[in-house]
Amino acid sequence: MKKTAIFWAILAAALYALNSPVSKLLLDQIPPTMMAALLYLGAGIGLTAVRLVQRGMGKGKKEEPLTRKDLPFTIGMVALDIAAPIFLMIGLTMTTAANASLLNNFEIAATSVIALGIFKETISKRLWTAIAFVTVGSIVLSVEDMSSFSFSFGSLFVLLACVCWGFENNCTRMISNKDPLEIVVIKGFGSGLGSLVIALVLGEGLPDWGYAACALLLGFVAYGLSIFFYIYAQRYLGAAKTSAYYALAPFIGTALSLVIFREIPTVSFVAALAFMIAGAYLASTDAGECFQKA
């Protein structure tokens, strides 16, 4: 069962890795806020179908449902999941898919520091070192011109997305003992519909049905199925080991982006990659829990 769980964890990472490069392609036809809405709606619709199939086959495991006590964390989770993908999609329109994929590692640093500052969790020396490596790598990727020290706005939007997901990870963790599929479906429909309202208010029209279907499918695969497999891997491997395998996601996404867009890595990109690899390795092998998700 352990080997199967490891496969699920790596599959979860590979599926989420599709997000940045494929979203970058679709953003040529779909406005960023509408794109964010379709991604989460795809996750919600897809996992609702998974839940119905499970129940139809009698395989749905009885889980503890969310209660009124969980409402503050649930609302926070949904609100942050509205903001994060919008920032990421805006960032993707202004920077390369490879940069955005690699910058997703900053979610580790954001999640850990927020857990310390707000939820008073302890951070080991190893994890502090990991945070330092990831932060340095993020700075290297975010500086557009070293001579004038100007920052890339695209990278800053991606980092804002990571900070939002860092807060969201901590909200989700507070309700992680409840039905995981219910949590993901609420994420999908709550965040998707919220982003859709914002997109329509901003005057972003619905895309051609073919592109909309592609975005919904991407959301189901990269967000919905990724989280679905992550949850099941976590039950057999534990949070820390699952995170170690899931930490592959940004690097798989970076590799896919370089191949799809035929981007030639710059010196600063290679330097940032080295820092990110070191940081992700230290974080994923830390004795405590480290967590990162879509």
C-alpha atoms as a PDB file:
ATOM      1  CA  MET A   1       0.000   0.000   0.000  1.00  0.00           C
ATOM      2  CA  LYS A   2       2.935   2.309   0.726  1.00  0.00           C
ATOM      3  CA  LYS A   3       4.194   2.084  -2.873  1.00  0.00           C
ATOM      4  CA  THR A   4       0.712   2.923  -4.139  1.00  0.00           C
ATOM      5  CA  ALA A   5       0.543   5.913  -1.798  1.00  0.00           C
ATOM      6  CA  ILE A   6       3.931   7.147  -3.049  1.00  0.00           C
ATOM      7  CA  PHE A   7       2.607   6.854  -6.602  1.00  0.00           C
ATOM      8  CA  TRP A   8      -0.472   8.910  -5.615  1.00  0.00           C
ATOM      9  CA  ALA A   9       1.722  11.607  -4.056  1.00  0.00           C
ATOM     10  CA  ILE A  10       3.957  11.891  -7.139  1.00  0.00           C
ATOM     11  CA  LEU A  11       0.882  11.816  -9.394  1.00  0.00           C
ATOM     12  CA  ALA A  12      -0.642  14.651  -7.359  1.00  0.00           C
ATOM     13  CA  ALA A  13       2.539  16.688  -7.876  1.00  0.00           C
ATOM     14  CA  ALA A  14       2.641  15.947 -11.612  1.00  0.00           C
ATOM     15  CA  LEU A  15      -1.018  16.905 -12.088  1.00  0.00           C
ATOM     16  CA  TYR A  16      -0.622  20.208 -10.247  1.00  0.00           C
ATOM     17  CA  ALA A  17       2.534  20.916 -12.245  1.00  0.00           C
ATOM     18  CA  LEU A  18       0.336  21.234 -15.358  1.00  0.00           C
ATOM     19  CA  ASN A  19      -1.280  24.367 -13.903  1.00  0.00           C
ATOM     20  CA  SER A  20       1.208  27.106 -14.798  1.00  0.00           C
ATOM     21  CA  PRO A  21       2.296  26.036 -18.318  1.00  0.00           C
ATOM     22  CA  VAL A  22      -1.197  25.071 -19.550  1.00  0.00           C
ATOM     23  CA  SER A  23      -2.794  28.136 -17.931  1.00  0.00           C
ATOM     24  CA  LYS A  24      -0.188  30.286 -19.691  1.00  0.00           C
ATOM     25  CA  LEU A  25      -1.354  28.850 -23.020  1.00  0.00           C
ATOM     26  CA  LEU A  26      -5.051  29.382 -22.248  1.00  0.00           C
ATOM     27  CA  LEU A  27      -4.500  32.948 -21.012  1.00  0.00           C
ATOM     28  CA  ASP A  28      -4.040  33.977 -24.642  1.00  0.00           C
ATOM     29  CA  GLN A  29      -7.793  33.367 -25.024  1.00  0.00           C
ATOM     30  CA  ILE A  30      -9.219  33.717 -21.504  1.00  0.00           C
ATOM     31  CA  PRO A  31      -8.892  36.800 -19.225  1.00  0.00           C
ATOM     32  CA  PRO A  32      -7.020  36.101 -15.948  1.00  0.00           C
ATOM     33  CA  THR A  33      -9.892  36.444 -13.441  1.00  0.00           C
ATOM     34  CA  MET A  34     -12.224  34.366 -15.627  1.00  0.00           C
ATOM     35  CA  MET A  35      -9.445  31.788 -15.942  1.00  0.00           C
ATOM     36  CA  ALA A  36      -9.119  31.574 -12.152  1.00  0.00           C
ATOM     37  CA  ALA A  37     -12.896  31.105 -11.861  1.00  0.00           C
ATOM     38  CA  LEU A  38     -12.997  28.290 -14.423  1.00  0.00           C
ATOM     39  CA  LEU A  39     -10.081  26.454 -12.785  1.00  0.00           C
ATOM     40  CA  TYR A  40     -11.778  26.222  -9.404  1.00  0.00           C
ATOM     41  CA  LEU A  41     -15.202  25.537 -10.889  1.00  0.00           C
ATOM     42  CA  GLY A  42     -13.621  22.658 -12.801  1.00  0.00           C
ATOM     43  CA  ALA A  43     -12.269  21.270  -9.524  1.00  0.00           C
ATOM     44  CA  GLY A  44     -15.657  21.623  -7.813  1.00  0.00           C
ATOM     45  CA  ILE A  45     -17.645  20.059 -10.660  1.00  0.00           C
ATOM     46  CA  GLY A  46     -15.149  17.246 -11.165  1.00  0.00           C
ATOM     47  CA  LEU A  47     -14.910  16.219  -7.522  1.00  0.00           C
ATOM     48  CA  THR A  48     -18.679  16.430  -7.095  1.00  0.00           C
ATOM     49  CA  ALA A  49     -18.840  13.832  -9.868  1.00  0.00           C
ATOM     50  CA  VAL A  50     -16.198  11.746  -8.045  1.00  0.00           C
ATOM     51  CA  ARG A  51     -18.279  11.915  -4.849  1.00  0.00           C
ATOM     52  CA  LEU A  52     -21.420  10.800  -6.698  1.00  0.00           C
ATOM     53  CA  VAL A  53     -19.566   7.890  -8.333  1.00  0.00           C
ATOM     54  CA  GLN A  54     -18.147   6.827  -4.948  1.00  0.00           C
ATOM     55  CA  ARG A  55     -21.586   6.844  -3.366  1.00  0.00           C
ATOM     56  CA  GLY A  56     -23.077   5.008  -6.338  1.00  0.00           C
ATOM     57  CA  MET A  57     -20.488   2.260  -5.948  1.00  0.00           C
ATOM     58  CA  GLY A  58     -20.884   2.201  -2.178  1.00  0.00           C
ATOM     59  CA  LYS A  59     -17.214   3.086  -1.672  1.00  0.00           C
ATOM     60  CA  GLY A  60     -17.607   6.494  -0.092  1.00  0.00           C
ATOM     61  CA  LYS A  61     -15.953   6.478   3.333  1.00  0.00           C
ATOM     62  CA  LYS A  62     -17.939   8.054   6.171  1.00  0.00           C
ATOM     63  CA  GLU A  63     -16.180  11.292   7.117  1.00  0.00           C
ATOM     64  CA  GLU A  64     -16.907  13.952   9.712  1.00  0.00           C
ATOM     65  CA  PRO A  65     -18.751  16.877   8.052  1.00  0.00           C
ATOM     66  CA  LEU A  66     -17.975  20.558   8.541  1.00  0.00           C
ATOM     67  CA  THR A  67     -19.892  22.313  11.324  1.00  0.00           C
ATOM     68  CA  ARG A  68     -20.798  25.895  12.260  1.00  0.00           C
ATOM     69  CA  LYS A  69     -17.667  26.025  14.425  1.00  0.00           C
ATOM     70  CA  ASP A  70     -15.587  25.564  11.273  1.00  0.00           C
ATOM     71  CA  LEU A  71     -17.298  28.467   9.468  1.00  0.00           C
ATOM     72  CA  PRO A  72     -14.611  31.169  10.069  1.00  0.00           C
ATOM     73  CA  PHE A  73     -11.848  28.942   8.663  1.00  0.00           C
ATOM     74  CA  THR A  74     -14.073  27.796   5.783  1.00  0.00           C
ATOM     75  CA  ILE A  75     -14.887  31.392   4.798  1.00  0.00           C
ATOM     76  CA  GLY A  76     -11.216  32.344   5.065  1.00  0.00           C
ATOM     77  CA  MET A  77     -10.232  29.351   2.934  1.00  0.00           C
ATOM     78  CA  VAL A  78     -12.717  30.282   0.184  1.00  0.00           C
ATOM     79  CA  ALA A  79     -11.858  34.004   0.213  1.00  0.00           C
ATOM     80  CA  LEU A  80      -8.127  33.309  -0.043  1.00  0.00           C
ATOM     81  CA  ASP A  81      -8.720  30.746  -2.794  1.00  0.00           C
ATOM     82  CA  ILE A  82     -10.507  33.491  -4.733  1.00  0.00           C
ATOM     83  CA  ALA A  83      -7.570  35.892  -4.419  1.00  0.00           C
ATOM     84  CA  ALA A  84      -4.646  33.458  -4.919  1.00  0.00           C
ATOM     85  CA  PRO A  85      -5.424  32.071  -8.404  1.00  0.00           C
ATOM     86  CA  ILE A  86      -6.400  35.537  -9.659  1.00  0.00           C
ATOM     87  CA  PHE A  87      -2.977  36.847  -8.600  1.00  0.00           C
ATOM     88  CA  LEU A  88      -1.311  33.787 -10.163  1.00  0.00           C
ATOM     89  CA  MET A  89      -3.139  34.222 -13.494  1.00  0.00           C
ATOM     90  CA  ILE A  90      -2.268  37.950 -13.594  1.00  0.00           C
ATOM     91  CA  GLY A  91       1.343  37.051 -12.819  1.00  0.00           C
ATOM     92  CA  LEU A  92       1.387  34.470 -15.614  1.00  0.00           C
ATOM     93  CA  THR A  93       0.370  37.149 -18.139  1.00  0.00           C
ATOM     94  CA  MET A  94       3.452  39.169 -17.122  1.00  0.00           C
ATOM     95  CA  THR A  95       6.166  36.550 -16.568  1.00  0.00           C
ATOM     96  CA  THR A  96       7.248  33.206 -17.989  1.00  0.00           C
ATOM     97  CA  ALA A  97       5.542  29.970 -17.026  1.00  0.00           C
ATOM     98  CA  ALA A  98       8.903  28.586 -15.860  1.00  0.00           C
ATOM     99  CA  ASN A  99       9.418  31.534 -13.481  1.00  0.00           C
ATOM    100  CA  ALA A 100       5.882  31.182 -12.118  1.00  0.00           C
ATOM    101  CA  SER A 101       6.276  27.429 -11.601  1.00  0.00           C
ATOM    102  CA  LEU A 102       9.546  27.836  -9.733  1.00  0.00           C
ATOM    103  CA  LEU A 103       8.203  30.713  -7.621  1.00  0.00           C
ATOM    104  CA  ASN A 104       5.456  28.397  -6.350  1.00  0.00           C
ATOM    105  CA  ASN A 105       8.101  27.120  -3.919  1.00  0.00           C
ATOM    106  CA  PHE A 106       7.612  30.365  -1.972  1.00  0.00           C
ATOM    107  CA  GLU A 107       4.360  28.862  -0.690  1.00  0.00           C
ATOM    108  CA  ILE A 108       6.498  26.722   1.647  1.00  0.00           C
ATOM    109  CA  ALA A 109       8.066  29.824   3.207  1.00  0.00           C
ATOM    110  CA  ALA A 110       4.777  31.733   3.406  1.00  0.00           C
ATOM    111  CA  THR A 111       2.897  28.820   4.987  1.00  0.00           C
ATOM    112  CA  SER A 112       5.582  28.218   7.609  1.00  0.00           C
ATOM    113  CA  VAL A 113       6.039  31.858   8.645  1.00  0.00           C
ATOM    114  CA  ILE A 114       2.262  32.403   8.889  1.00  0.00           C
ATOM    115  CA  ALA A 115       1.949  29.221  10.962  1.00  0.00           C
ATOM    116  CA  LEU A 116       4.584  30.640  13.320  1.00  0.00           C
ATOM    117  CA  GLY A 117       3.241  34.196  13.487  1.00  0.00           C
ATOM    118  CA  ILE A 118      -0.486  33.484  13.802  1.00  0.00           C
ATOM    119  CA  PHE A 119      -0.854  29.891  14.961  1.00  0.00           C
ATOM    120  CA  LYS A 120       2.294  29.878  17.155  1.00  0.00           C
ATOM    121  CA  GLU A 121       3.743  26.720  15.607  1.00  0.00           C
ATOM    122  CA  THR A 122       7.425  26.049  16.069  1.00  0.00           C
ATOM    123  CA  ILE A 123       9.857  26.153  13.160  1.00  0.00           C
ATOM    124  CA  SER A 124      13.030  24.076  13.283  1.00  0.00           C
ATOM    125  CA  LYS A 125      16.465  25.406  12.308  1.00  0.00           C
ATOM    126  CA  ARG A 126      16.339  23.163   9.231  1.00  0.00           C
ATOM    127  CA  LEU A 127      13.042  24.705   8.104  1.00  0.00           C
ATOM    128  CA  TRP A 128      14.318  28.245   8.762  1.00  0.00           C
ATOM    129  CA  THR A 129      17.275  27.420   6.500  1.00  0.00           C
ATOM    130  CA  ALA A 130      14.862  26.112   3.861  1.00  0.00           C
ATOM    131  CA  ILE A 131      12.807  29.314   4.098  1.00  0.00           C
ATOM    132  CA  ALA A 132      15.979  31.380   3.642  1.00  0.00           C
ATOM    133  CA  PHE A 133      17.002  29.427   0.512  1.00  0.00           C
ATOM    134  CA  VAL A 134      13.517  29.668  -1.031  1.00  0.00           C
ATOM    135  CA  THR A 135      13.295  33.391  -0.223  1.00  0.00           C
ATOM    136  CA  VAL A 136      16.697  34.126  -1.795  1.00  0.00           C
ATOM    137  CA  GLY A 137      15.676  32.141  -4.879  1.00  0.00           C
ATOM    138  CA  SER A 138      12.411  34.090  -5.079  1.00  0.00           C
ATOM    139  CA  ILE A 139      14.259  37.406  -4.865  1.00  0.00           C
ATOM    140  CA  VAL A 140      16.658  36.361  -7.630  1.00  0.00           C
ATOM    141  CA  LEU A 141      13.714  35.438  -9.888  1.00  0.00           C
ATOM    142  CA  SER A 142      11.807  38.612  -9.026  1.00  0.00           C
ATOM    143  CA  VAL A 143      14.603  41.087  -9.837  1.00  0.00           C
ATOM    144  CA  GLU A 144      14.164  42.116 -13.449  1.00  0.00           C
ATOM    145  CA  ASP A 145      17.243  44.312 -13.790  1.00  0.00           C
ATOM    146  CA  MET A 146      20.064  43.907 -11.285  1.00  0.00           C
ATOM    147  CA  SER A 147      21.754  47.131 -12.398  1.00  0.00           C
ATOM    148  CA  SER A 148      18.741  49.262 -11.468  1.00  0.00           C
ATOM    149  CA  PHE A 149      17.307  46.724  -8.992  1.00  0.00           C
ATOM    150  CA  SER A 150      13.841  46.864 -10.520  1.00  0.00           C
ATOM    151  CA  PHE A 151      11.334  44.136  -9.724  1.00  0.00           C
ATOM    152  CA  SER A 152       9.254  42.065 -12.117  1.00  0.00           C
ATOM    153  CA  PHE A 153       5.580  42.799 -11.484  1.00  0.00           C
ATOM    154  CA  GLY A 154       4.690  39.361 -12.839  1.00  0.00           C
ATOM    155  CA  SER A 155       6.859  37.675 -10.217  1.00  0.00           C
ATOM    156  CA  LEU A 156       5.415  39.886  -7.472  1.00  0.00           C
ATOM    157  CA  PHE A 157       1.880  38.812  -8.382  1.00  0.00           C
ATOM    158  CA  VAL A 158       2.948  35.155  -8.245  1.00  0.00           C
ATOM    159  CA  LEU A 159       4.490  35.770  -4.814  1.00  0.00           C
ATOM    160  CA  LEU A 160       1.242  37.428  -3.680  1.00  0.00           C
ATOM    161  CA  ALA A 161      -0.569  34.267  -4.779  1.00  0.00           C
ATOM    162  CA  CYS A 162       1.851  32.174  -2.693  1.00  0.00           C
ATOM    163  CA  VAL A 163       1.225  34.370   0.377  1.00  0.00           C
ATOM    164  CA  CYS A 164      -2.541  33.974  -0.073  1.00  0.00           C
ATOM    165  CA  TRP A 165      -2.132  30.209  -0.388  1.00  0.00           C
ATOM    166  CA  GLY A 166       0.101  30.287   2.689  1.00  0.00           C
ATOM    167  CA  PHE A 167      -2.771  31.806   4.715  1.00  0.00           C
ATOM    168  CA  GLU A 168      -5.218  29.425   3.031  1.00  0.00           C
ATOM    169  CA  ASN A 169      -3.084  26.390   3.925  1.00  0.00           C
ATOM    170  CA  ASN A 170      -3.280  27.382   7.571  1.00  0.00           C
ATOM    171  CA  CYS A 171      -7.059  27.879   7.411  1.00  0.00           C
ATOM    172  CA  THR A 172      -7.491  24.506   5.705  1.00  0.00           C
ATOM    173  CA  ARG A 173      -5.249  22.831   8.247  1.00  0.00           C
ATOM    174  CA  MET A 174      -7.604  23.934  11.035  1.00  0.00           C
ATOM    175  CA  ILE A 175     -10.408  21.876   9.433  1.00  0.00           C
ATOM    176  CA  SER A 176      -8.263  19.074   7.987  1.00  0.00           C
ATOM    177  CA  ASN A 177      -9.849  16.462  10.269  1.00  0.00           C
ATOM    178  CA  LYS A 178     -13.171  16.930   8.440  1.00  0.00           C
ATOM    179  CA  ASP A 179     -14.401  15.338   5.190  1.00  0.00           C
ATOM    180  CA  PRO A 180     -11.626  16.140   2.662  1.00  0.00           C
ATOM    181  CA  LEU A 181     -13.837  15.790  -0.413  1.00  0.00           C
ATOM    182  CA  GLU A 182     -16.391  18.166   1.106  1.00  0.00           C
ATOM    183  CA  ILE A 183     -13.611  20.673   1.741  1.00  0.00           C
ATOM    184  CA  VAL A 184     -12.356  20.479  -1.867  1.00  0.00           C
ATOM    185  CA  VAL A 185     -15.873  20.766  -3.328  1.00  0.00           C
ATOM    186  CA  ILE A 186     -16.520  23.865  -1.168  1.00  0.00           C
ATOM    187  CA  LYS A 187     -13.168  25.285  -2.303  1.00  0.00           C
ATOM    188  CA  GLY A 188     -14.090  24.644  -5.930  1.00  0.00           C
ATOM    189  CA  PHE A 189     -17.593  26.060  -6.023  1.00  0.00           C
ATOM    190  CA  GLY A 190     -17.069  28.807  -3.423  1.00  0.00           C
ATOM    191  CA  SER A 191     -13.859  30.168  -4.916  1.00  0.00           C
ATOM    192  CA  GLY A 192     -14.943  29.520  -8.505  1.00  0.00           C
ATOM    193  CA  LEU A 193     -18.265  31.342  -8.207  1.00  0.00           C
ATOM    194  CA  GLY A 194     -16.632  34.183  -6.244  1.00  0.00           C
ATOM    195  CA  SER A 195     -14.012  34.673  -8.947  1.00  0.00           C
ATOM    196  CA  LEU A 196     -16.700  34.429 -11.639  1.00  0.00           C
ATOM    197  CA  VAL A 197     -18.645  37.301 -10.066  1.00  0.00           C
ATOM    198  CA  ILE A 198     -15.482  39.415  -9.898  1.00  0.00           C
ATOM    199  CA  ALA A 199     -14.643  38.592 -13.523  1.00  0.00           C
ATOM    200  CA  LEU A 200     -18.106  39.645 -14.722  1.00  0.00           C
ATOM    201  CA  VAL A 201     -17.984  42.857 -12.653  1.00  0.00           C
ATOM    202  CA  LEU A 202     -14.615  43.653 -14.277  1.00  0.00           C
ATOM    203  CA  GLY A 203     -16.244  43.211 -17.679  1.00  0.00           C
ATOM    204  CA  GLU A 204     -14.486  39.953 -18.556  1.00  0.00           C
ATOM    205  CA  GLY A 205     -16.753  37.989 -20.873  1.00  0.00           C
ATOM    206  CA  LEU A 206     -17.194  34.237 -21.017  1.00  0.00           C
ATOM    207  CA  PRO A 207     -14.674  32.650 -23.405  1.00  0.00           C
ATOM    208  CA  ASP A 208     -15.445  30.430 -26.369  1.00  0.00           C
ATOM    209  CA  TRP A 209     -16.970  27.176 -25.090  1.00  0.00           C
ATOM    210  CA  GLY A 210     -14.022  25.127 -26.323  1.00  0.00           C
ATOM    211  CA  TYR A 211     -11.484  27.168 -24.342  1.00  0.00           C
ATOM    212  CA  ALA A 212     -13.836  27.237 -21.339  1.00  0.00           C
ATOM    213  CA  ALA A 213     -14.062  23.436 -21.440  1.00  0.00           C
ATOM    214  CA  CYS A 214     -10.246  23.199 -21.541  1.00  0.00           C
ATOM    215  CA  ALA A 215      -9.962  25.485 -18.498  1.00  0.00           C
ATOM    216  CA  LEU A 216     -12.586  23.471 -16.573  1.00  0.00           C
ATOM    217  CA  LEU A 217     -10.763  20.250 -17.441  1.00  0.00           C
ATOM    218  CA  LEU A 218      -7.447  21.737 -16.336  1.00  0.00           C
ATOM    219  CA  GLY A 219      -9.032  22.804 -13.042  1.00  0.00           C
ATOM    220  CA  PHE A 220     -10.419  19.313 -12.480  1.00  0.00           C
ATOM    221  CA  VAL A 221      -7.047  17.708 -13.198  1.00  0.00           C
ATOM    222  CA  ALA A 222      -4.535  20.219 -11.776  1.00  0.00           C
ATOM    223  CA  TYR A 223      -6.565  21.309  -8.741  1.00  0.00           C
ATOM    224  CA  GLY A 224      -9.307  18.732  -8.111  1.00  0.00           C
ATOM    225  CA  LEU A 225      -7.611  15.407  -8.863  1.00  0.00           C
ATOM    226  CA  SER A 226      -4.284  16.674  -7.543  1.00  0.00           C
ATOM    227  CA  ILE A 227      -5.797  17.427  -4.137  1.00  0.00           C
ATOM    228  CA  PHE A 228      -7.822  14.196  -4.261  1.00  0.00           C
ATOM    229  CA  PHE A 229      -4.703  12.031  -4.742  1.00  0.00           C
ATOM    230  CA  TYR A 230      -2.735  14.161  -2.251  1.00  0.00           C
ATOM    231  CA  ILE A 231      -5.324  13.517   0.462  1.00  0.00           C
ATOM    232  CA  TYR A 232      -5.253   9.752  -0.036  1.00  0.00           C
ATOM    233  CA  ALA A 233      -1.457   9.650  -0.139  1.00  0.00           C
ATOM    234  CA  GLN A 234      -1.341  11.644   3.090  1.00  0.00           C
ATOM    235  CA  ARG A 235      -3.462   9.066   4.894  1.00  0.00           C
ATOM    236  CA  TYR A 236      -0.893   6.319   4.305  1.00  0.00           C
ATOM    237  CA  LEU A 237       2.351   8.306   4.251  1.00  0.00           C
ATOM    238  CA  GLY A 238       1.621  11.100   6.716  1.00  0.00           C
ATOM    239  CA  ALA A 239       1.803  14.836   6.082  1.00  0.00           C
ATOM    240  CA  ALA A 240       5.582  15.271   6.058  1.00  0.00           C
ATOM    241  CA  LYS A 241       6.392  12.391   3.676  1.00  0.00           C
ATOM    242  CA  THR A 242       3.562  13.333   1.312  1.00  0.00           C
ATOM    243  CA  SER A 243       4.831  16.913   1.233  1.00  0.00           C
ATOM    244  CA  ALA A 244       8.290  15.627   0.379  1.00  0.00           C
ATOM    245  CA  TYR A 245       6.978  13.976  -2.794  1.00  0.00           C
ATOM    246  CA  TYR A 246       4.590  16.846  -3.567  1.00  0.00           C
ATOM    247  CA  ALA A 247       7.528  19.280  -3.432  1.00  0.00           C
ATOM    248  CA  LEU A 248       8.405  17.936  -6.895  1.00  0.00           C
ATOM    249  CA  ALA A 249       5.454  19.886  -8.379  1.00  0.00           C
ATOM    250  CA  PRO A 250       7.192  23.259  -8.976  1.00  0.00           C
ATOM    251  CA  PHE A 251      10.172  21.558 -10.598  1.00  0.00           C
ATOM    252  CA  ILE A 252       8.030  19.377 -12.857  1.00  0.00           C
ATOM    253  CA  GLY A 253       6.094  22.511 -13.819  1.00  0.00           C
ATOM    254  CA  THR A 254       9.323  24.362 -14.530  1.00  0.00           C
ATOM    255  CA  ALA A 255      10.620  21.550 -16.753  1.00  0.00           C
ATOM    256  CA  LEU A 256       7.314  21.380 -18.657  1.00  0.00           C
ATOM    257  CA  SER A 257       7.341  25.150 -19.145  1.00  0.00           C
ATOM    258  CA  LEU A 258      10.870  25.173 -20.525  1.00  0.00           C
ATOM    259  CA  VAL A 259       9.949  22.415 -23.002  1.00  0.00           C
ATOM    260  CA  ILE A 260       6.527  23.758 -24.042  1.00  0.00           C
ATOM    261  CA  PHE A 261       7.641  27.358 -24.527  1.00  0.00           C
ATOM    262  CA  ARG A 262      11.208  26.527 -25.577  1.00  0.00           C
ATOM    263  CA  GLU A 263      12.545  29.009 -23.062  1.00  0.00           C
ATOM    264  CA  ILE A 264      16.292  29.276 -22.570  1.00  0.00           C
ATOM    265  CA  PRO A 265      17.134  29.538 -18.850  1.00  0.00           C
ATOM    266  CA  THR A 266      19.064  32.661 -17.853  1.00  0.00           C
ATOM    267  CA  VAL A 267      21.967  32.674 -15.402  1.00  0.00           C
ATOM    268  CA  SER A 268      19.729  34.161 -12.705  1.00  0.00           C
ATOM    269  CA  PHE A 269      17.114  31.462 -13.363  1.00  0.00           C
ATOM    270  CA  VAL A 270      19.703  28.691 -12.903  1.00  0.00           C
ATOM    271  CA  ALA A 271      20.951  30.341  -9.700  1.00  0.00           C
ATOM    272  CA  ALA A 272      17.402  30.631  -8.376  1.00  0.00           C
ATOM    273  CA  LEU A 273      16.754  27.003  -9.318  1.00  0.00           C
ATOM    274  CA  ALA A 274      19.728  25.893  -7.205  1.00  0.00           C
ATOM    275  CA  PHE A 275      18.465  27.852  -4.189  1.00  0.00           C
ATOM    276  CA  MET A 276      14.932  26.501  -4.686  1.00  0.00           C
ATOM    277  CA  ILE A 277      16.099  22.879  -4.938  1.00  0.00           C
ATOM    278  CA  ALA A 278      18.091  23.240  -1.720  1.00  0.00           C
ATOM    279  CA  GLY A 279      15.178  24.930   0.054  1.00  0.00           C
ATOM    280  CA  ALA A 280      12.565  22.440  -1.141  1.00  0.00           C
ATOM    281  CA  TYR A 281      14.778  19.503  -0.120  1.00  0.00           C
ATOM    282  CA  LEU A 282      15.382  20.884   3.386  1.00  0.00           C
ATOM    283  CA  ALA A 283      11.680  21.700   3.848  1.00  0.00           C
ATOM    284  CA  SER A 284      10.421  18.349   2.595  1.00  0.00           C
ATOM    285  CA  THR A 285      12.843  16.374   4.778  1.00  0.00           C
ATOM    286  CA  ASP A 286      12.214  18.432   7.916  1.00  0.00           C
ATOM    287  CA  ALA A 287      11.134  16.334  10.864  1.00  0.00           C
ATOM    288  CA  GLY A 288       8.043  18.468  11.397  1.00  0.00           C
ATOM    289  CA  GLU A 289       5.127  18.931   9.037  1.00  0.00           C
ATOM    290  CA  CYS A 290       5.499  21.062   5.966  1.00  0.00           C
ATOM    291  CA  PHE A 291       2.549  21.443   3.694  1.00  0.00           C
ATOM    292  CA  GLN A 292       1.908  22.791   0.250  1.00  0.00           C
ATOM    293  CA  LYS A 293      -1.111  22.304  -1.976  1.00  0.00           C
ATOM    294  CA  ALA A 294      -3.184  23.769  -4.701  1.00  0.00           C
END
